[in-house]
Amino acid sequence: AEGKQAATFRGQLDSAQLERRQLEQSCAQLQEEFEAHAADEEAARRARDEERRTLDARCAQLEAESRETKARRKRLVAELAERKKQLLKEKIRLGKEHDLKKKADEHDLSQVRLRQQALS
């Protein structure tokens, strides 16, 4: 009876040890999966951080380009206004010269008429 009971205990012990080894293997497998998942998550976080830094740098670059473009546009608008002002001054000057020349031509023409009348 004792031998039968001892055999039963040994069977239960063997079964418990087998179950323990299976649980240890399952635990080790779960630990590996967890570590792999954690590594994947860390790699994904690093990739997102790098992408964010890249986008931040691109955004800063575009903002700088925008400021430069606005400053350039402002300069060009000022240059255009100055050029228009100079062209208007030149147009006025040429108009005055034209008027003076026209008056001089009219004066010369009237002098010619007076001479013709005096000669006739």
PDB file of N, CA and C in Angstrom:
ATOM      1  N   ALA A   1       0.836  -1.185   0.000  1.00  0.00           N
ATOM      2  CA  ALA A   1       0.000   0.000   0.000  1.00  0.00           C
ATOM      3  C   ALA A   1       0.877   1.244   0.000  1.00  0.00           C
ATOM      4  N   GLU A   2       1.938   1.143   0.844  1.00  0.00           N
ATOM      5  CA  GLU A   2       2.845   2.290   0.877  1.00  0.00           C
ATOM      6  C   GLU A   2       3.542   2.455  -0.465  1.00  0.00           C
ATOM      7  N   GLY A   3       3.883   1.396  -1.094  1.00  0.00           N
ATOM      8  CA  GLY A   3       4.538   1.451  -2.392  1.00  0.00           C
ATOM      9  C   GLY A   3       3.620   2.060  -3.441  1.00  0.00           C
ATOM     10  N   LYS A   4       2.315   1.694  -3.336  1.00  0.00           N
ATOM     11  CA  LYS A   4       1.340   2.221  -4.266  1.00  0.00           C
ATOM     12  C   LYS A   4       1.162   3.722  -4.026  1.00  0.00           C
ATOM     13  N   GLN A   5       1.120   4.089  -2.763  1.00  0.00           N
ATOM     14  CA  GLN A   5       0.961   5.501  -2.386  1.00  0.00           C
ATOM     15  C   GLN A   5       2.197   6.283  -2.816  1.00  0.00           C
ATOM     16  N   ALA A   6       3.396   5.704  -2.645  1.00  0.00           N
ATOM     17  CA  ALA A   6       4.635   6.368  -3.041  1.00  0.00           C
ATOM     18  C   ALA A   6       4.670   6.551  -4.553  1.00  0.00           C
ATOM     19  N   ALA A   7       4.195   5.524  -5.273  1.00  0.00           N
ATOM     20  CA  ALA A   7       4.155   5.627  -6.733  1.00  0.00           C
ATOM     21  C   ALA A   7       3.184   6.727  -7.154  1.00  0.00           C
ATOM     22  N   THR A   8       2.084   6.853  -6.456  1.00  0.00           N
ATOM     23  CA  THR A   8       1.102   7.900  -6.764  1.00  0.00           C
ATOM     24  C   THR A   8       1.723   9.273  -6.517  1.00  0.00           C
ATOM     25  N   PHE A   9       2.433   9.392  -5.364  1.00  0.00           N
ATOM     26  CA  PHE A   9       3.086  10.672  -5.049  1.00  0.00           C
ATOM     27  C   PHE A   9       4.149  11.010  -6.091  1.00  0.00           C
ATOM     28  N   ARG A  10       4.928   9.946  -6.496  1.00  0.00           N
ATOM     29  CA  ARG A  10       5.945  10.181  -7.520  1.00  0.00           C
ATOM     30  C   ARG A  10       5.304  10.612  -8.831  1.00  0.00           C
ATOM     31  N   GLY A  11       4.200  10.013  -9.174  1.00  0.00           N
ATOM     32  CA  GLY A  11       3.479  10.379 -10.395  1.00  0.00           C
ATOM     33  C   GLY A  11       2.986  11.830 -10.310  1.00  0.00           C
ATOM     34  N   GLN A  12       2.449  12.174  -9.140  1.00  0.00           N
ATOM     35  CA  GLN A  12       1.967  13.554  -8.948  1.00  0.00           C
ATOM     36  C   GLN A  12       3.139  14.538  -8.983  1.00  0.00           C
ATOM     37  N   LEU A  13       4.276  14.108  -8.357  1.00  0.00           N
ATOM     38  CA  LEU A  13       5.468  14.961  -8.354  1.00  0.00           C
ATOM     39  C   LEU A  13       5.988  15.142  -9.775  1.00  0.00           C
ATOM     40  N   ASP A  14       6.061  14.036 -10.526  1.00  0.00           N
ATOM     41  CA  ASP A  14       6.520  14.126 -11.916  1.00  0.00           C
ATOM     42  C   ASP A  14       5.597  15.033 -12.723  1.00  0.00           C
ATOM     43  N   SER A  15       4.302  14.862 -12.523  1.00  0.00           N
ATOM     44  CA  SER A  15       3.315  15.683 -13.243  1.00  0.00           C
ATOM     45  C   SER A  15       3.470  17.163 -12.861  1.00  0.00           C
ATOM     46  N   ALA A  16       3.677  17.434 -11.582  1.00  0.00           N
ATOM     47  CA  ALA A  16       3.844  18.811 -11.109  1.00  0.00           C
ATOM     48  C   ALA A  16       5.137  19.412 -11.662  1.00  0.00           C
ATOM     49  N   GLN A  17       6.199  18.572 -11.688  1.00  0.00           N
ATOM     50  CA  GLN A  17       7.472  19.074 -12.231  1.00  0.00           C
ATOM     51  C   GLN A  17       7.346  19.365 -13.730  1.00  0.00           C
ATOM     52  N   LEU A  18       6.649  18.496 -14.447  1.00  0.00           N
ATOM     53  CA  LEU A  18       6.430  18.706 -15.875  1.00  0.00           C
ATOM     54  C   LEU A  18       5.627  19.994 -16.100  1.00  0.00           C
ATOM     55  N   GLU A  19       4.565  20.163 -15.305  1.00  0.00           N
ATOM     56  CA  GLU A  19       3.746  21.373 -15.417  1.00  0.00           C
ATOM     57  C   GLU A  19       4.588  22.614 -15.095  1.00  0.00           C
ATOM     58  N   ARG A  20       5.456  22.489 -14.085  1.00  0.00           N
ATOM     59  CA  ARG A  20       6.330  23.605 -13.708  1.00  0.00           C
ATOM     60  C   ARG A  20       7.251  23.974 -14.873  1.00  0.00           C
ATOM     61  N   ARG A  21       7.875  22.943 -15.513  1.00  0.00           N
ATOM     62  CA  ARG A  21       8.763  23.209 -16.650  1.00  0.00           C
ATOM     63  C   ARG A  21       7.992  23.865 -17.800  1.00  0.00           C
ATOM     64  N   GLN A  22       6.785  23.398 -18.052  1.00  0.00           N
ATOM     65  CA  GLN A  22       5.958  23.994 -19.110  1.00  0.00           C
ATOM     66  C   GLN A  22       5.632  25.452 -18.781  1.00  0.00           C
ATOM     67  N   LEU A  23       5.301  25.712 -17.524  1.00  0.00           N
ATOM     68  CA  LEU A  23       5.004  27.081 -17.116  1.00  0.00           C
ATOM     69  C   LEU A  23       6.242  27.963 -17.220  1.00  0.00           C
ATOM     70  N   GLU A  24       7.406  27.424 -16.837  1.00  0.00           N
ATOM     71  CA  GLU A  24       8.649  28.192 -16.962  1.00  0.00           C
ATOM     72  C   GLU A  24       8.944  28.510 -18.426  1.00  0.00           C
ATOM     73  N   GLN A  25       8.707  27.513 -19.310  1.00  0.00           N
ATOM     74  CA  GLN A  25       8.918  27.741 -20.741  1.00  0.00           C
ATOM     75  C   GLN A  25       7.941  28.801 -21.262  1.00  0.00           C
ATOM     76  N   SER A  26       6.690  28.698 -20.860  1.00  0.00           N
ATOM     77  CA  SER A  26       5.687  29.685 -21.281  1.00  0.00           C
ATOM     78  C   SER A  26       6.065  31.072 -20.771  1.00  0.00           C
ATOM     79  N   CYS A  27       6.526  31.115 -19.523  1.00  0.00           N
ATOM     80  CA  CYS A  27       6.943  32.389 -18.934  1.00  0.00           C
ATOM     81  C   CYS A  27       8.132  32.969 -19.696  1.00  0.00           C
ATOM     82  N   ALA A  28       9.113  32.139 -20.018  1.00  0.00           N
ATOM     83  CA  ALA A  28      10.287  32.594 -20.765  1.00  0.00           C
ATOM     84  C   ALA A  28       9.872  33.091 -22.151  1.00  0.00           C
ATOM     85  N   GLN A  29       8.957  32.363 -22.807  1.00  0.00           N
ATOM     86  CA  GLN A  29       8.475  32.764 -24.131  1.00  0.00           C
ATOM     87  C   GLN A  29       7.741  34.103 -24.042  1.00  0.00           C
ATOM     88  N   LEU A  30       6.888  34.253 -23.033  1.00  0.00           N
ATOM     89  CA  LEU A  30       6.167  35.514 -22.853  1.00  0.00           C
ATOM     90  C   LEU A  30       7.141  36.664 -22.568  1.00  0.00           C
ATOM     91  N   GLN A  31       8.176  36.376 -21.790  1.00  0.00           N
ATOM     92  CA  GLN A  31       9.180  37.403 -21.490  1.00  0.00           C
ATOM     93  C   GLN A  31       9.898  37.837 -22.768  1.00  0.00           C
ATOM     94  N   GLU A  32      10.266  36.858 -23.615  1.00  0.00           N
ATOM     95  CA  GLU A  32      10.915  37.183 -24.891  1.00  0.00           C
ATOM     96  C   GLU A  32       9.988  38.017 -25.775  1.00  0.00           C
ATOM     97  N   GLU A  33       8.719  37.618 -25.842  1.00  0.00           N
ATOM     98  CA  GLU A  33       7.755  38.366 -26.654  1.00  0.00           C
ATOM     99  C   GLU A  33       7.590  39.794 -26.117  1.00  0.00           C
ATOM    100  N   PHE A  34       7.528  39.913 -24.789  1.00  0.00           N
ATOM    101  CA  PHE A  34       7.392  41.236 -24.169  1.00  0.00           C
ATOM    102  C   PHE A  34       8.607  42.099 -24.496  1.00  0.00           C
ATOM    103  N   GLU A  35       9.796  41.525 -24.362  1.00  0.00           N
ATOM    104  CA  GLU A  35      11.016  42.284 -24.642  1.00  0.00           C
ATOM    105  C   GLU A  35      11.087  42.679 -26.119  1.00  0.00           C
ATOM    106  N   ALA A  36      10.683  41.765 -27.001  1.00  0.00           N
ATOM    107  CA  ALA A  36      10.677  42.080 -28.437  1.00  0.00           C
ATOM    108  C   ALA A  36       9.683  43.207 -28.719  1.00  0.00           C
ATOM    109  N   HIS A  37       8.504  43.108 -28.096  1.00  0.00           N
ATOM    110  CA  HIS A  37       7.493  44.150 -28.279  1.00  0.00           C
ATOM    111  C   HIS A  37       8.006  45.489 -27.735  1.00  0.00           C
ATOM    112  N   ALA A  38       8.641  45.457 -26.570  1.00  0.00           N
ATOM    113  CA  ALA A  38       9.184  46.681 -25.974  1.00  0.00           C
ATOM    114  C   ALA A  38      10.262  47.280 -26.879  1.00  0.00           C
ATOM    115  N   ALA A  39      11.086  46.426 -27.457  1.00  0.00           N
ATOM    116  CA  ALA A  39      12.127  46.905 -28.381  1.00  0.00           C
ATOM    117  C   ALA A  39      11.495  47.524 -29.623  1.00  0.00           C
ATOM    118  N   ASP A  40      10.444  46.876 -30.149  1.00  0.00           N
ATOM    119  CA  ASP A  40       9.728  47.433 -31.308  1.00  0.00           C
ATOM    120  C   ASP A  40       9.122  48.789 -30.971  1.00  0.00           C
ATOM    121  N   GLU A  41       8.513  48.877 -29.790  1.00  0.00           N
ATOM    122  CA  GLU A  41       7.916  50.149 -29.355  1.00  0.00           C
ATOM    123  C   GLU A  41       8.983  51.238 -29.218  1.00  0.00           C
ATOM    124  N   GLU A  42      10.113  50.876 -28.671  1.00  0.00           N
ATOM    125  CA  GLU A  42      11.210  51.850 -28.507  1.00  0.00           C
ATOM    126  C   GLU A  42      11.732  52.304 -29.873  1.00  0.00           C
ATOM    127  N   ALA A  43      11.873  51.365 -30.804  1.00  0.00           N
ATOM    128  CA  ALA A  43      12.332  51.716 -32.155  1.00  0.00           C
ATOM    129  C   ALA A  43      11.303  52.631 -32.833  1.00  0.00           C
ATOM    130  N   ALA A  44      10.027  52.328 -32.650  1.00  0.00           N
ATOM    131  CA  ALA A  44       8.973  53.166 -33.241  1.00  0.00           C
ATOM    132  C   ALA A  44       8.999  54.563 -32.616  1.00  0.00           C
ATOM    133  N   ARG A  45       9.215  54.649 -31.314  1.00  0.00           N
ATOM    134  CA  ARG A  45       9.288  55.943 -30.633  1.00  0.00           C
ATOM    135  C   ARG A  45      10.468  56.756 -31.158  1.00  0.00           C
ATOM    136  N   ARG A  46      11.609  56.081 -31.305  1.00  0.00           N
ATOM    137  CA  ARG A  46      12.789  56.771 -31.838  1.00  0.00           C
ATOM    138  C   ARG A  46      12.533  57.270 -33.261  1.00  0.00           C
ATOM    139  N   ALA A  47      11.876  56.427 -34.069  1.00  0.00           N
ATOM    140  CA  ALA A  47      11.567  56.823 -35.450  1.00  0.00           C
ATOM    141  C   ALA A  47      10.626  58.032 -35.456  1.00  0.00           C
ATOM    142  N   ARG A  48       9.607  58.020 -34.579  1.00  0.00           N
ATOM    143  CA  ARG A  48       8.694  59.167 -34.497  1.00  0.00           C
ATOM    144  C   ARG A  48       9.434  60.421 -34.044  1.00  0.00           C
ATOM    145  N   ASP A  49      10.318  60.257 -33.063  1.00  0.00           N
ATOM    146  CA  ASP A  49      11.102  61.403 -32.584  1.00  0.00           C
ATOM    147  C   ASP A  49      11.978  61.970 -33.696  1.00  0.00           C
ATOM    148  N   GLU A  50      12.607  61.094 -34.452  1.00  0.00           N
ATOM    149  CA  GLU A  50      13.469  61.533 -35.557  1.00  0.00           C
ATOM    150  C   GLU A  50      12.629  62.229 -36.635  1.00  0.00           C
ATOM    151  N   GLU A  51      11.474  61.656 -36.938  1.00  0.00           N
ATOM    152  CA  GLU A  51      10.591  62.268 -37.932  1.00  0.00           C
ATOM    153  C   GLU A  51      10.120  63.640 -37.447  1.00  0.00           C
ATOM    154  N   ARG A  52       9.795  63.749 -36.154  1.00  0.00           N
ATOM    155  CA  ARG A  52       9.375  65.034 -35.591  1.00  0.00           C
ATOM    156  C   ARG A  52      10.500  66.062 -35.698  1.00  0.00           C
ATOM    157  N   ARG A  53      11.735  65.642 -35.377  1.00  0.00           N
ATOM    158  CA  ARG A  53      12.874  66.565 -35.495  1.00  0.00           C
ATOM    159  C   ARG A  53      13.067  67.007 -36.948  1.00  0.00           C
ATOM    160  N   THR A  54      12.939  66.061 -37.870  1.00  0.00           N
ATOM    161  CA  THR A  54      13.072  66.387 -39.292  1.00  0.00           C
ATOM    162  C   THR A  54      11.987  67.375 -39.720  1.00  0.00           C
ATOM    163  N   LEU A  55      10.748  67.123 -39.300  1.00  0.00           N
ATOM    164  CA  LEU A  55       9.650  68.022 -39.653  1.00  0.00           C
ATOM    165  C   LEU A  55       9.820  69.389 -39.003  1.00  0.00           C
ATOM    166  N   ASP A  56      10.291  69.409 -37.750  1.00  0.00           N
ATOM    167  CA  ASP A  56      10.541  70.691 -37.080  1.00  0.00           C
ATOM    168  C   ASP A  56      11.611  71.487 -37.817  1.00  0.00           C
ATOM    169  N   ALA A  57      12.659  70.800 -38.246  1.00  0.00           N
ATOM    170  CA  ALA A  57      13.734  71.470 -38.984  1.00  0.00           C
ATOM    171  C   ALA A  57      13.205  72.002 -40.314  1.00  0.00           C
ATOM    172  N   ARG A  58      12.407  71.208 -41.019  1.00  0.00           N
ATOM    173  CA  ARG A  58      11.837  71.639 -42.303  1.00  0.00           C
ATOM    174  C   ARG A  58      10.905  72.832 -42.098  1.00  0.00           C
ATOM    175  N   CYS A  59      10.125  72.778 -41.022  1.00  0.00           N
ATOM    176  CA  CYS A  59       9.216  73.879 -40.709  1.00  0.00           C
ATOM    177  C   CYS A  59      10.012  75.157 -40.448  1.00  0.00           C
ATOM    178  N   ALA A  60      11.076  75.045 -39.680  1.00  0.00           N
ATOM    179  CA  ALA A  60      11.920  76.215 -39.394  1.00  0.00           C
ATOM    180  C   ALA A  60      12.530  76.752 -40.692  1.00  0.00           C
ATOM    181  N   GLN A  61      12.955  75.842 -41.561  1.00  0.00           N
ATOM    182  CA  GLN A  61      13.533  76.253 -42.845  1.00  0.00           C
ATOM    183  C   GLN A  61      12.493  76.994 -43.686  1.00  0.00           C
ATOM    184  N   LEU A  62      11.277  76.464 -43.737  1.00  0.00           N
ATOM    185  CA  LEU A  62      10.217  77.104 -44.518  1.00  0.00           C
ATOM    186  C   LEU A  62       9.836  78.458 -43.929  1.00  0.00           C
ATOM    187  N   GLU A  63       9.826  78.552 -42.600  1.00  0.00           N
ATOM    188  CA  GLU A  63       9.528  79.838 -41.964  1.00  0.00           C
ATOM    189  C   GLU A  63      10.607  80.866 -42.311  1.00  0.00           C
ATOM    190  N   ALA A  64      11.868  80.431 -42.296  1.00  0.00           N
ATOM    191  CA  ALA A  64      12.970  81.339 -42.656  1.00  0.00           C
ATOM    192  C   ALA A  64      12.834  81.775 -44.117  1.00  0.00           C
ATOM    193  N   GLU A  65      12.533  80.820 -44.992  1.00  0.00           N
ATOM    194  CA  GLU A  65      12.350  81.152 -46.411  1.00  0.00           C
ATOM    195  C   GLU A  65      11.181  82.118 -46.586  1.00  0.00           C
ATOM    196  N   SER A  66      10.121  81.918 -45.820  1.00  0.00           N
ATOM    197  CA  SER A  66       8.959  82.803 -45.894  1.00  0.00           C
ATOM    198  C   SER A  66       9.343  84.218 -45.463  1.00  0.00           C
ATOM    199  N   ARG A  67      10.097  84.327 -44.373  1.00  0.00           N
ATOM    200  CA  ARG A  67      10.539  85.653 -43.921  1.00  0.00           C
ATOM    201  C   ARG A  67      11.424  86.308 -44.981  1.00  0.00           C
ATOM    202  N   GLU A  68      12.329  85.535 -45.565  1.00  0.00           N
ATOM    203  CA  GLU A  68      13.211  86.072 -46.612  1.00  0.00           C
ATOM    204  C   GLU A  68      12.396  86.524 -47.825  1.00  0.00           C
ATOM    205  N   THR A  69      11.402  85.725 -48.198  1.00  0.00           N
ATOM    206  CA  THR A  69      10.562  86.063 -49.346  1.00  0.00           C
ATOM    207  C   THR A  69       9.771  87.346 -49.061  1.00  0.00           C
ATOM    208  N   LYS A  70       9.239  87.461 -47.844  1.00  0.00           N
ATOM    209  CA  LYS A  70       8.493  88.676 -47.496  1.00  0.00           C
ATOM    210  C   LYS A  70       9.410  89.894 -47.523  1.00  0.00           C
ATOM    211  N   ALA A  71      10.610  89.743 -46.983  1.00  0.00           N
ATOM    212  CA  ALA A  71      11.563  90.862 -46.981  1.00  0.00           C
ATOM    213  C   ALA A  71      11.945  91.232 -48.413  1.00  0.00           C
ATOM    214  N   ARG A  72      12.178  90.228 -49.245  1.00  0.00           N
ATOM    215  CA  ARG A  72      12.530  90.474 -50.655  1.00  0.00           C
ATOM    216  C   ARG A  72      11.380  91.170 -51.376  1.00  0.00           C
ATOM    217  N   ARG A  73      10.172  90.701 -51.127  1.00  0.00           N
ATOM    218  CA  ARG A  73       8.988  91.309 -51.747  1.00  0.00           C
ATOM    219  C   ARG A  73       8.878  92.768 -51.313  1.00  0.00           C
ATOM    220  N   LYS A  74       9.092  93.023 -50.037  1.00  0.00           N
ATOM    221  CA  LYS A  74       9.020  94.391 -49.527  1.00  0.00           C
ATOM    222  C   LYS A  74      10.059  95.280 -50.214  1.00  0.00           C
ATOM    223  N   ARG A  75      11.292  94.744 -50.355  1.00  0.00           N
ATOM    224  CA  ARG A  75      12.337  95.499 -51.049  1.00  0.00           C
ATOM    225  C   ARG A  75      11.949  95.777 -52.502  1.00  0.00           C
ATOM    226  N   LEU A  76      11.417  94.742 -53.174  1.00  0.00           N
ATOM    227  CA  LEU A  76      11.042  94.908 -54.581  1.00  0.00           C
ATOM    228  C   LEU A  76       9.904  95.915 -54.743  1.00  0.00           C
ATOM    229  N   VAL A  77       8.941  95.884 -53.829  1.00  0.00           N
ATOM    230  CA  VAL A  77       7.844  96.850 -53.880  1.00  0.00           C
ATOM    231  C   VAL A  77       8.386  98.257 -53.692  1.00  0.00           C
ATOM    232  N   ALA A  78       9.325  98.420 -52.742  1.00  0.00           N
ATOM    233  CA  ALA A  78       9.933  99.739 -52.516  1.00  0.00           C
ATOM    234  C   ALA A  78      10.726 100.191 -53.743  1.00  0.00           C
ATOM    235  N   GLU A  79      11.481  99.275 -54.339  1.00  0.00           N
ATOM    236  CA  GLU A  79      12.243  99.603 -55.549  1.00  0.00           C
ATOM    237  C   GLU A  79      11.304  99.992 -56.692  1.00  0.00           C
ATOM    238  N   LEU A  80      10.207  99.257 -56.824  1.00  0.00           N
ATOM    239  CA  LEU A  80       9.240  99.557 -57.873  1.00  0.00           C
ATOM    240  C   LEU A  80       8.614 100.933 -57.650  1.00  0.00           C
ATOM    241  N   ALA A  81       8.257 101.239 -56.407  1.00  0.00           N
ATOM    242  CA  ALA A  81       7.679 102.557 -56.110  1.00  0.00           C
ATOM    243  C   ALA A  81       8.690 103.657 -56.430  1.00  0.00           C
ATOM    244  N   GLU A  82       9.957 103.439 -56.075  1.00  0.00           N
ATOM    245  CA  GLU A  82      11.000 104.437 -56.372  1.00  0.00           C
ATOM    246  C   GLU A  82      11.175 104.593 -57.876  1.00  0.00           C
ATOM    247  N   ARG A  83      11.140 103.487 -58.588  1.00  0.00           N
ATOM    248  CA  ARG A  83      11.294 103.540 -60.044  1.00  0.00           C
ATOM    249  C   ARG A  83      10.124 104.277 -60.688  1.00  0.00           C
ATOM    250  N   LYS A  84       8.909 104.011 -60.192  1.00  0.00           N
ATOM    251  CA  LYS A  84       7.735 104.714 -60.718  1.00  0.00           C
ATOM    252  C   LYS A  84       7.868 106.217 -60.456  1.00  0.00           C
ATOM    253  N   LYS A  85       8.341 106.559 -59.253  1.00  0.00           N
ATOM    254  CA  LYS A  85       8.529 107.964 -58.906  1.00  0.00           C
ATOM    255  C   LYS A  85       9.535 108.623 -59.851  1.00  0.00           C
ATOM    256  N   GLN A  86      10.651 107.924 -60.108  1.00  0.00           N
ATOM    257  CA  GLN A  86      11.674 108.462 -61.005  1.00  0.00           C
ATOM    258  C   GLN A  86      11.130 108.595 -62.433  1.00  0.00           C
ATOM    259  N   LEU A  87      10.355 107.592 -62.873  1.00  0.00           N
ATOM    260  CA  LEU A  87       9.771 107.655 -64.220  1.00  0.00           C
ATOM    261  C   LEU A  87       8.788 108.817 -64.331  1.00  0.00           C
ATOM    262  N   LEU A  88       8.011 109.037 -63.279  1.00  0.00           N
ATOM    263  CA  LEU A  88       7.080 110.158 -63.300  1.00  0.00           C
ATOM    264  C   LEU A  88       7.835 111.488 -63.370  1.00  0.00           C
ATOM    265  N   LYS A  89       8.914 111.606 -62.575  1.00  0.00           N
ATOM    266  CA  LYS A  89       9.741 112.819 -62.626  1.00  0.00           C
ATOM    267  C   LYS A  89      10.302 113.023 -64.035  1.00  0.00           C
ATOM    268  N   GLU A  90      10.785 111.933 -64.637  1.00  0.00           N
ATOM    269  CA  GLU A  90      11.355 112.001 -65.991  1.00  0.00           C
ATOM    270  C   GLU A  90      10.276 112.405 -66.999  1.00  0.00           C
ATOM    271  N   LYS A  91       9.078 111.849 -66.814  1.00  0.00           N
ATOM    272  CA  LYS A  91       7.967 112.180 -67.718  1.00  0.00           C
ATOM    273  C   LYS A  91       7.622 113.671 -67.595  1.00  0.00           C
ATOM    274  N   ILE A  92       7.583 114.160 -66.357  1.00  0.00           N
ATOM    275  CA  ILE A  92       7.298 115.585 -66.136  1.00  0.00           C
ATOM    276  C   ILE A  92       8.390 116.441 -66.762  1.00  0.00           C
ATOM    277  N   ARG A  93       9.643 116.049 -66.549  1.00  0.00           N
ATOM    278  CA  ARG A  93      10.768 116.799 -67.120  1.00  0.00           C
ATOM    279  C   ARG A  93      10.682 116.823 -68.635  1.00  0.00           C
ATOM    280  N   LEU A  94      10.424 115.644 -69.226  1.00  0.00           N
ATOM    281  CA  LEU A  94      10.318 115.586 -70.686  1.00  0.00           C
ATOM    282  C   LEU A  94       9.131 116.401 -71.183  1.00  0.00           C
ATOM    283  N   GLY A  95       8.038 116.385 -70.421  1.00  0.00           N
ATOM    284  CA  GLY A  95       6.870 117.179 -70.795  1.00  0.00           C
ATOM    285  C   GLY A  95       7.195 118.670 -70.777  1.00  0.00           C
ATOM    286  N   LYS A  96       7.919 119.100 -69.741  1.00  0.00           N
ATOM    287  CA  LYS A  96       8.317 120.510 -69.653  1.00  0.00           C
ATOM    288  C   LYS A  96       9.252 120.875 -70.800  1.00  0.00           C
ATOM    289  N   GLU A  97      10.200 119.993 -71.078  1.00  0.00           N
ATOM    290  CA  GLU A  97      11.117 120.244 -72.205  1.00  0.00           C
ATOM    291  C   GLU A  97      10.341 120.351 -73.514  1.00  0.00           C
ATOM    292  N   HIS A  98       9.363 119.444 -73.678  1.00  0.00           N
ATOM    293  CA  HIS A  98       8.548 119.454 -74.890  1.00  0.00           C
ATOM    294  C   HIS A  98       7.776 120.771 -74.998  1.00  0.00           C
ATOM    295  N   ASP A  99       7.176 121.190 -73.858  1.00  0.00           N
ATOM    296  CA  ASP A  99       6.425 122.452 -73.857  1.00  0.00           C
ATOM    297  C   ASP A  99       7.341 123.628 -74.196  1.00  0.00           C
ATOM    298  N   LEU A 100       8.537 123.641 -73.586  1.00  0.00           N
ATOM    299  CA  LEU A 100       9.481 124.736 -73.862  1.00  0.00           C
ATOM    300  C   LEU A 100       9.897 124.727 -75.338  1.00  0.00           C
ATOM    301  N   LYS A 101      10.163 123.516 -75.862  1.00  0.00           N
ATOM    302  CA  LYS A 101      10.567 123.411 -77.271  1.00  0.00           C
ATOM    303  C   LYS A 101       9.438 123.883 -78.183  1.00  0.00           C
ATOM    304  N   LYS A 102       8.204 123.483 -77.806  1.00  0.00           N
ATOM    305  CA  LYS A 102       7.045 123.876 -78.601  1.00  0.00           C
ATOM    306  C   LYS A 102       6.902 125.397 -78.585  1.00  0.00           C
ATOM    307  N   LYS A 103       7.064 125.993 -77.393  1.00  0.00           N
ATOM    308  CA  LYS A 103       6.981 127.457 -77.296  1.00  0.00           C
ATOM    309  C   LYS A 103       8.094 128.119 -78.106  1.00  0.00           C
ATOM    310  N   ALA A 104       9.283 127.535 -78.012  1.00  0.00           N
ATOM    311  CA  ALA A 104      10.412 128.087 -78.782  1.00  0.00           C
ATOM    312  C   ALA A 104      10.134 127.962 -80.270  1.00  0.00           C
ATOM    313  N   ASP A 105       9.613 126.798 -80.698  1.00  0.00           N
ATOM    314  CA  ASP A 105       9.283 126.618 -82.113  1.00  0.00           C
ATOM    315  C   ASP A 105       8.214 127.612 -82.549  1.00  0.00           C
ATOM    316  N   GLU A 106       7.185 127.801 -81.676  1.00  0.00           N
ATOM    317  CA  GLU A 106       6.132 128.766 -81.996  1.00  0.00           C
ATOM    318  C   GLU A 106       6.718 130.182 -82.086  1.00  0.00           C
ATOM    319  N   HIS A 107       7.622 130.485 -81.155  1.00  0.00           N
ATOM    320  CA  HIS A 107       8.270 131.800 -81.172  1.00  0.00           C
ATOM    321  C   HIS A 107       9.086 131.978 -82.449  1.00  0.00           C
ATOM    322  N   ASP A 108       9.852 130.922 -82.790  1.00  0.00           N
ATOM    323  CA  ASP A 108      10.650 130.980 -84.022  1.00  0.00           C
ATOM    324  C   ASP A 108       9.752 131.149 -85.238  1.00  0.00           C
ATOM    325  N   LEU A 109       8.621 130.424 -85.238  1.00  0.00           N
ATOM    326  CA  LEU A 109       7.683 130.502 -86.350  1.00  0.00           C
ATOM    327  C   LEU A 109       7.082 131.908 -86.440  1.00  0.00           C
ATOM    328  N   SER A 110       6.738 132.461 -85.300  1.00  0.00           N
ATOM    329  CA  SER A 110       6.174 133.822 -85.325  1.00  0.00           C
ATOM    330  C   SER A 110       7.232 134.822 -85.772  1.00  0.00           C
ATOM    331  N   GLN A 111       8.494 134.599 -85.378  1.00  0.00           N
ATOM    332  CA  GLN A 111       9.575 135.484 -85.837  1.00  0.00           C
ATOM    333  C   GLN A 111       9.736 135.384 -87.351  1.00  0.00           C
ATOM    334  N   VAL A 112       9.627 134.149 -87.883  1.00  0.00           N
ATOM    335  CA  VAL A 112       9.737 133.955 -89.340  1.00  0.00           C
ATOM    336  C   VAL A 112       8.594 134.674 -90.025  1.00  0.00           C
ATOM    337  N   ARG A 113       7.395 134.577 -89.495  1.00  0.00           N
ATOM    338  CA  ARG A 113       6.215 135.244 -90.093  1.00  0.00           C
ATOM    339  C   ARG A 113       6.401 136.760 -90.067  1.00  0.00           C
ATOM    340  N   LEU A 114       6.897 137.236 -88.911  1.00  0.00           N
ATOM    341  CA  LEU A 114       7.118 138.690 -88.810  1.00  0.00           C
ATOM    342  C   LEU A 114       8.141 139.152 -89.856  1.00  0.00           C
ATOM    343  N   ARG A 115       9.190 138.379 -90.048  1.00  0.00           N
ATOM    344  CA  ARG A 115      10.214 138.729 -91.041  1.00  0.00           C
ATOM    345  C   ARG A 115       9.616 138.687 -92.444  1.00  0.00           C
ATOM    346  N   GLN A 116       8.792 137.640 -92.661  1.00  0.00           N
ATOM    347  CA  GLN A 116       8.160 137.531 -93.992  1.00  0.00           C
ATOM    348  C   GLN A 116       7.244 138.724 -94.237  1.00  0.00           C
ATOM    349  N   GLN A 117       6.510 139.083 -93.180  1.00  0.00           N
ATOM    350  CA  GLN A 117       5.623 140.238 -93.337  1.00  0.00           C
ATOM    351  C   GLN A 117       6.441 141.520 -93.559  1.00  0.00           C
ATOM    352  N   ALA A 118       7.567 141.582 -92.829  1.00  0.00           N
ATOM    353  CA  ALA A 118       8.389 142.779 -92.966  1.00  0.00           C
ATOM    354  C   ALA A 118       8.994 142.841 -94.365  1.00  0.00           C
ATOM    355  N   LEU A 119       9.305 141.688 -94.920  1.00  0.00           N
ATOM    356  CA  LEU A 119       9.915 141.635 -96.249  1.00  0.00           C
ATOM    357  C   LEU A 119       8.864 141.898 -97.330  1.00  0.00           C
ATOM    358  N   SER A 120       7.630 141.582 -97.027  1.00  0.00           N
ATOM    359  CA  SER A 120       6.647 141.732 -98.085  1.00  0.00           C
ATOM    360  C   SER A 120       6.068 143.105 -98.208  1.00  0.00           C
TER     361      SER A 120
END
